[in-house]
Amino acid sequence: MDNVNRITEIAKLAPRELDAHKGDFGRVLVVGGSSGMVGAPALAADAGLRGGAGLVTMAVPEPVQQAVATLCSCATSVPLACEKNGVLAPASVRQVVLAAEQSDVLAVGPGFAVGPDRQNIVRAVLDQSRPAVLDADGLNNLVSISNWPQLRACPLILTPHPGEFARLTGAGVEDVQADRQGAAVDAVRRWAGEGDLPLVCVLKGAGTVVVDRRRMWVNDTGNPGMATGGSGDILTGLLAAMIAQGLAPFDAACLAVRLHGRAGDLAAAELGEVSLTAVDLLDYLPAALREIA
């Protein structure tokens, strides 16, 4: 971990001007969803809005579009073209590219499922220029794209849990957990390549580690109650919102992780760790934002 600067101070959002409008706070595109996983993209979109993004659009497979849209009434949605068997049609790639061109940041993977059709979407995301957050099935599809670091043309933020990180690197989960900081630093050095195009890894878990080429930050908020379905989707949307509002990827990741954990701590203090759900994180994000951001 030589030459990695361990930071303690993290960036905050700029104050809002009195005459601000929704276009000033960025446009987030959430790409995800599948049969049986309609909640994940809606949670990410809600978190993007709770995190301050001005506009959020969800690009989800056409058969589940209405269900997802119902769960997140403040976001717009794009129905991705599908074949009769439910597989994404080739036209869906162009739909995502066009939606990305109208967005400031992409959040890709919540509930998206895995397959060659989804991998085509991930390739297209890597090949465009907007910052992209890959989580969940975004990462699980990335594993099947062996040369993805060479394909990447966008600032990229990866948010794996230890199992996803192990699949991306080929390491064992126990080895990853034995040296989380070192594993994250080594992975970013392998993936980032030459040049200055940002790549950030957010290795989730107790003491989430945020790493780019030069810096590392370790989170001190959060609790075991956050080990619940949908919690990662909340972080994905929240991180995208921080980028949409003008923070650089590393700064956005640090702030989002701290806010996410603090919302969990506030929720657990009132509800207990056992009963905590991802929806509770949404409810406590406003208080966390008032404290931190």
Protein backbone atom coordinates (compact mmCIF):
# COMPACT_ATOMS: atom_id res chain seq x y z
CA MET A 1 0.00 0.00 0.00
CA ASP A 2 2.97 2.30 -0.55
CA ASN A 3 2.14 5.78 -1.87
CA VAL A 4 -1.53 5.50 -0.85
CA ASN A 5 -2.64 8.53 1.11
CA ARG A 6 -4.92 7.57 4.02
CA ILE A 7 -7.38 10.41 4.35
CA THR A 8 -9.63 11.30 7.27
CA GLU A 9 -11.51 14.37 6.03
CA ILE A 10 -14.17 13.90 3.39
CA ALA A 11 -15.88 16.34 1.03
CA LYS A 12 -19.34 17.79 1.55
CA LEU A 13 -22.03 19.01 -0.79
CA ALA A 14 -22.06 22.67 -1.74
CA PRO A 15 -24.89 24.79 -0.28
CA ARG A 16 -27.89 25.23 -2.56
CA GLU A 17 -28.65 28.59 -4.15
CA LEU A 18 -32.03 30.15 -3.40
CA ASP A 19 -32.97 30.22 -7.09
CA ALA A 20 -31.89 26.63 -7.78
CA HIS A 21 -34.01 24.25 -9.87
CA LYS A 22 -34.02 20.48 -10.33
CA GLY A 23 -31.71 20.65 -13.32
CA ASP A 24 -28.97 22.05 -11.09
CA PHE A 25 -28.66 18.84 -9.05
CA GLY A 26 -28.01 16.31 -11.74
CA ARG A 27 -29.70 13.50 -13.59
CA VAL A 28 -29.23 9.89 -12.46
CA LEU A 29 -29.98 6.90 -14.68
CA VAL A 30 -30.62 3.64 -12.80
CA VAL A 31 -30.29 0.54 -15.00
CA GLY A 32 -31.55 -2.67 -13.45
CA GLY A 33 -34.55 -4.79 -12.60
CA SER A 34 -35.76 -8.20 -13.69
CA SER A 35 -38.61 -10.59 -13.03
CA GLY A 36 -38.72 -11.12 -9.27
CA MET A 37 -36.36 -8.19 -8.60
CA VAL A 38 -38.53 -5.12 -9.12
CA GLY A 39 -37.72 -3.58 -5.75
CA ALA A 40 -33.96 -3.17 -6.27
CA PRO A 41 -33.97 -0.47 -8.99
CA ALA A 42 -36.78 1.37 -7.20
CA LEU A 43 -34.77 1.44 -3.96
CA ALA A 44 -31.73 2.77 -5.83
CA ALA A 45 -33.85 5.43 -7.55
CA ASP A 46 -35.47 6.48 -4.27
CA ALA A 47 -32.05 6.74 -2.67
CA GLY A 48 -30.85 8.89 -5.54
CA LEU A 49 -33.75 11.27 -4.96
CA ARG A 50 -33.35 11.22 -1.16
CA GLY A 51 -29.66 11.91 -1.70
CA GLY A 52 -30.46 15.11 -3.55
CA ALA A 53 -30.37 14.26 -7.25
CA GLY A 54 -32.67 16.56 -9.17
CA LEU A 55 -33.98 13.94 -11.60
CA VAL A 56 -33.84 10.14 -11.67
CA THR A 57 -34.78 7.83 -14.53
CA MET A 58 -35.02 4.05 -14.30
CA ALA A 59 -34.24 1.91 -17.35
CA VAL A 60 -35.77 -1.50 -16.65
CA PRO A 61 -37.04 -4.44 -18.76
CA GLU A 62 -40.43 -3.68 -20.31
CA PRO A 63 -42.29 -6.55 -18.55
CA VAL A 64 -41.51 -5.11 -15.11
CA GLN A 65 -41.48 -1.41 -15.96
CA GLN A 66 -44.92 -0.58 -14.61
CA ALA A 67 -44.30 -2.43 -11.34
CA VAL A 68 -40.97 -0.66 -10.80
CA ALA A 69 -42.46 2.71 -11.69
CA THR A 70 -45.23 2.20 -9.14
CA LEU A 71 -42.66 1.63 -6.39
CA CYS A 72 -40.83 4.91 -7.15
CA SER A 73 -43.40 7.49 -8.11
CA CYS A 74 -40.97 10.43 -8.25
CA ALA A 75 -38.74 8.91 -10.95
CA THR A 76 -39.42 8.52 -14.65
CA SER A 77 -38.82 5.20 -16.41
CA VAL A 78 -37.73 3.71 -19.72
CA PRO A 79 -39.08 0.26 -20.72
CA LEU A 80 -36.19 -1.70 -22.19
CA ALA A 81 -37.13 -3.79 -25.22
CA CYS A 82 -37.34 -7.53 -24.58
CA GLU A 83 -37.83 -10.67 -26.65
CA LYS A 84 -40.86 -12.88 -26.01
CA ASN A 85 -38.79 -15.10 -23.71
CA GLY A 86 -37.92 -12.12 -21.49
CA VAL A 87 -34.32 -11.72 -22.69
CA LEU A 88 -33.34 -8.13 -23.43
CA ALA A 89 -33.57 -7.39 -27.15
CA PRO A 90 -30.57 -5.92 -29.02
CA ALA A 91 -32.45 -2.61 -29.20
CA SER A 92 -32.18 -2.29 -25.42
CA VAL A 93 -28.48 -1.45 -25.73
CA ARG A 94 -29.27 1.58 -27.86
CA GLN A 95 -32.01 2.59 -25.41
CA VAL A 96 -29.53 2.63 -22.53
CA VAL A 97 -26.96 4.55 -24.55
CA LEU A 98 -29.52 7.21 -25.49
CA ALA A 99 -30.72 7.49 -21.89
CA ALA A 100 -27.11 7.78 -20.71
CA GLU A 101 -26.54 10.69 -23.08
CA GLN A 102 -29.28 12.58 -21.25
CA SER A 103 -27.89 11.75 -17.79
CA ASP A 104 -24.98 12.86 -15.64
CA VAL A 105 -24.26 9.54 -13.94
CA LEU A 106 -25.34 5.92 -14.29
CA ALA A 107 -26.14 3.43 -11.51
CA VAL A 108 -26.09 -0.05 -13.03
CA GLY A 109 -26.93 -3.46 -11.64
CA PRO A 110 -29.63 -3.42 -8.92
CA GLY A 111 -31.77 -6.51 -9.51
CA PHE A 112 -30.60 -6.75 -13.12
CA ALA A 113 -30.03 -10.54 -13.39
CA VAL A 114 -27.12 -12.13 -15.25
CA GLY A 115 -26.72 -13.23 -18.84
CA PRO A 116 -25.24 -12.36 -22.24
CA ASP A 117 -28.00 -9.79 -22.87
CA ARG A 118 -27.17 -8.02 -19.62
CA GLN A 119 -23.44 -8.21 -20.36
CA ASN A 120 -24.09 -6.32 -23.60
CA ILE A 121 -25.60 -3.50 -21.53
CA VAL A 122 -22.60 -3.45 -19.18
CA ARG A 123 -20.21 -3.31 -22.15
CA ALA A 124 -22.13 -0.34 -23.53
CA VAL A 125 -21.96 1.37 -20.15
CA LEU A 126 -18.19 0.87 -20.01
CA ASP A 127 -17.86 2.33 -23.51
CA GLN A 128 -19.69 5.60 -22.81
CA SER A 129 -18.23 8.65 -21.06
CA ARG A 130 -20.51 9.38 -18.07
CA PRO A 131 -19.45 8.24 -14.59
CA ALA A 132 -20.94 4.84 -13.80
CA VAL A 133 -21.56 3.05 -10.50
CA LEU A 134 -21.61 -0.75 -10.88
CA ASP A 135 -23.15 -2.81 -8.10
CA ALA A 136 -24.79 -6.20 -7.59
CA ASP A 137 -25.57 -7.80 -10.96
CA GLY A 138 -23.63 -5.04 -12.68
CA LEU A 139 -20.58 -6.59 -11.05
CA ASN A 140 -21.75 -10.17 -11.61
CA ASN A 141 -22.01 -9.46 -15.34
CA LEU A 142 -18.68 -7.64 -15.32
CA VAL A 143 -16.97 -10.85 -14.19
CA SER A 144 -17.82 -12.43 -17.55
CA ILE A 145 -16.19 -9.56 -19.49
CA SER A 146 -12.57 -10.62 -19.14
CA ASN A 147 -11.03 -7.56 -20.81
CA TRP A 148 -13.27 -4.96 -19.17
CA PRO A 149 -10.42 -2.75 -17.86
CA GLN A 150 -9.25 -2.26 -21.46
CA LEU A 151 -12.81 -1.52 -22.68
CA ARG A 152 -13.48 1.13 -20.05
CA ALA A 153 -13.96 4.69 -21.33
CA CYS A 154 -15.81 6.10 -18.32
CA PRO A 155 -15.06 7.08 -14.72
CA LEU A 156 -16.05 3.91 -12.86
CA ILE A 157 -17.04 3.18 -9.26
CA LEU A 158 -17.32 -0.47 -8.23
CA THR A 159 -19.18 -1.30 -5.00
CA PRO A 160 -18.63 -5.00 -4.29
CA HIS A 161 -19.30 -6.90 -1.11
CA PRO A 162 -16.54 -9.43 -0.27
CA GLY A 163 -18.13 -12.21 -2.32
CA GLU A 164 -18.46 -10.04 -5.41
CA PHE A 165 -14.95 -8.70 -4.92
CA ALA A 166 -13.63 -12.27 -4.69
CA ARG A 167 -15.30 -13.16 -7.99
CA LEU A 168 -13.85 -10.07 -9.67
CA THR A 169 -10.32 -10.77 -8.46
CA GLY A 170 -10.22 -14.56 -8.30
CA ALA A 171 -9.22 -14.42 -4.64
CA GLY A 172 -10.89 -16.32 -1.82
CA VAL A 173 -13.33 -14.46 0.40
CA GLU A 174 -11.29 -15.36 3.48
CA ASP A 175 -8.16 -13.90 1.88
CA VAL A 176 -10.02 -10.72 0.98
CA GLN A 177 -11.34 -10.33 4.50
CA ALA A 178 -7.91 -10.99 6.01
CA ASP A 179 -6.51 -7.82 4.36
CA ARG A 180 -9.39 -5.75 3.06
CA GLN A 181 -7.41 -2.56 2.61
CA GLY A 182 -4.51 -4.23 0.84
CA ALA A 183 -6.83 -6.24 -1.40
CA ALA A 184 -8.72 -3.13 -2.48
CA VAL A 185 -5.53 -1.17 -3.20
CA ASP A 186 -4.03 -4.02 -5.24
CA ALA A 187 -7.22 -4.47 -7.25
CA VAL A 188 -7.51 -0.79 -8.17
CA ARG A 189 -3.90 -0.76 -9.31
CA ARG A 190 -4.59 -3.71 -11.62
CA TRP A 191 -7.87 -2.37 -12.96
CA ALA A 192 -7.16 1.35 -13.33
CA GLY A 193 -4.54 1.11 -16.06
CA GLU A 194 -2.59 4.10 -17.34
CA GLY A 195 -3.87 7.64 -17.49
CA ASP A 196 -6.10 9.65 -15.20
CA LEU A 197 -9.54 8.16 -15.87
CA PRO A 198 -10.97 7.65 -12.35
CA LEU A 199 -11.58 4.20 -10.96
CA VAL A 200 -12.82 3.78 -7.39
CA CYS A 201 -13.43 0.57 -5.45
CA VAL A 202 -15.83 0.57 -2.50
CA LEU A 203 -15.22 -2.72 -0.68
CA LYS A 204 -18.30 -3.02 1.50
CA GLY A 205 -18.57 -4.59 4.94
CA ALA A 206 -17.66 -3.64 8.49
CA GLY A 207 -15.24 -0.76 7.95
CA THR A 208 -16.05 -0.20 4.28
CA VAL A 209 -12.89 0.68 2.35
CA VAL A 210 -12.91 3.33 -0.39
CA VAL A 211 -9.84 3.33 -2.65
CA ASP A 212 -8.65 5.03 -5.83
CA ARG A 213 -5.16 5.21 -7.35
CA ARG A 214 -3.80 7.55 -4.67
CA ARG A 215 -6.11 7.60 -1.67
CA MET A 216 -7.82 5.34 0.83
CA TRP A 217 -10.54 6.07 3.36
CA VAL A 218 -12.11 3.67 5.87
CA ASN A 219 -15.65 4.20 7.12
CA ASP A 220 -16.60 4.22 10.80
CA THR A 221 -20.40 4.35 10.56
CA GLY A 222 -22.91 1.51 10.17
CA ASN A 223 -24.01 -1.57 12.11
CA PRO A 224 -24.96 -5.24 11.59
CA GLY A 225 -28.63 -4.32 11.14
CA MET A 226 -27.71 -3.07 7.69
CA ALA A 227 -26.95 -6.62 6.58
CA THR A 228 -30.37 -6.85 4.94
CA GLY A 229 -31.68 -7.12 1.40
CA GLY A 230 -31.75 -3.82 -0.46
CA SER A 231 -29.18 -2.03 1.67
CA GLY A 232 -26.62 -2.10 -1.15
CA ASP A 233 -29.17 -0.72 -3.60
CA ILE A 234 -29.63 2.29 -1.31
CA LEU A 235 -25.87 2.93 -1.35
CA THR A 236 -25.76 2.65 -5.14
CA GLY A 237 -28.42 5.30 -5.65
CA LEU A 238 -27.00 7.54 -2.95
CA LEU A 239 -23.50 7.40 -4.44
CA ALA A 240 -24.85 8.26 -7.88
CA ALA A 241 -26.68 11.25 -6.36
CA MET A 242 -23.46 12.59 -4.85
CA ILE A 243 -21.75 12.45 -8.25
CA ALA A 244 -24.79 14.02 -9.93
CA GLN A 245 -24.44 16.98 -7.56
CA GLY A 246 -20.88 17.63 -8.62
CA LEU A 247 -18.62 15.58 -6.36
CA ALA A 248 -15.71 13.68 -7.90
CA PRO A 249 -16.10 9.88 -7.78
CA PHE A 250 -13.77 9.26 -4.81
CA ASP A 251 -15.25 12.12 -2.78
CA ALA A 252 -18.77 11.02 -3.67
CA ALA A 253 -18.05 7.46 -2.59
CA CYS A 254 -16.66 8.51 0.79
CA LEU A 255 -19.59 10.81 1.54
CA ALA A 256 -22.20 8.30 0.36
CA VAL A 257 -20.72 5.49 2.43
CA ARG A 258 -20.63 7.63 5.56
CA LEU A 259 -24.19 8.87 5.02
CA HIS A 260 -25.43 5.34 4.34
CA GLY A 261 -23.87 4.06 7.55
CA ARG A 262 -25.10 7.00 9.60
CA ALA A 263 -28.65 6.51 8.34
CA GLY A 264 -28.33 2.90 9.45
CA ASP A 265 -27.09 3.94 12.89
CA LEU A 266 -29.97 6.39 13.35
CA ALA A 267 -32.47 3.75 12.24
CA ALA A 268 -31.00 1.09 14.53
CA ALA A 269 -31.08 3.45 17.51
CA GLU A 270 -34.84 3.77 17.17
CA LEU A 271 -35.90 0.49 15.60
CA GLY A 272 -33.20 -1.94 16.70
CA GLU A 273 -30.77 -3.80 14.46
CA VAL A 274 -32.93 -6.92 14.06
CA SER A 275 -35.93 -5.08 12.60
CA LEU A 276 -34.02 -2.71 10.34
CA THR A 277 -34.87 -2.82 6.60
CA ALA A 278 -33.52 -0.99 3.57
CA VAL A 279 -36.63 1.18 3.44
CA ASP A 280 -35.74 2.41 6.93
CA LEU A 281 -32.45 3.69 5.55
CA LEU A 282 -34.40 5.87 3.14
CA ASP A 283 -36.44 7.27 6.01
CA TYR A 284 -33.34 8.19 8.04
CA LEU A 285 -31.25 9.59 5.20
CA PRO A 286 -32.61 13.13 5.66
CA ALA A 287 -31.36 13.23 9.26
CA ALA A 288 -28.00 11.80 8.22
CA LEU A 289 -27.69 14.43 5.50
CA ARG A 290 -28.43 17.23 7.96
CA GLU A 291 -25.66 15.95 10.23
CA ILE A 292 -22.96 15.15 7.68
CA ALA A 293 -23.44 16.69 4.27
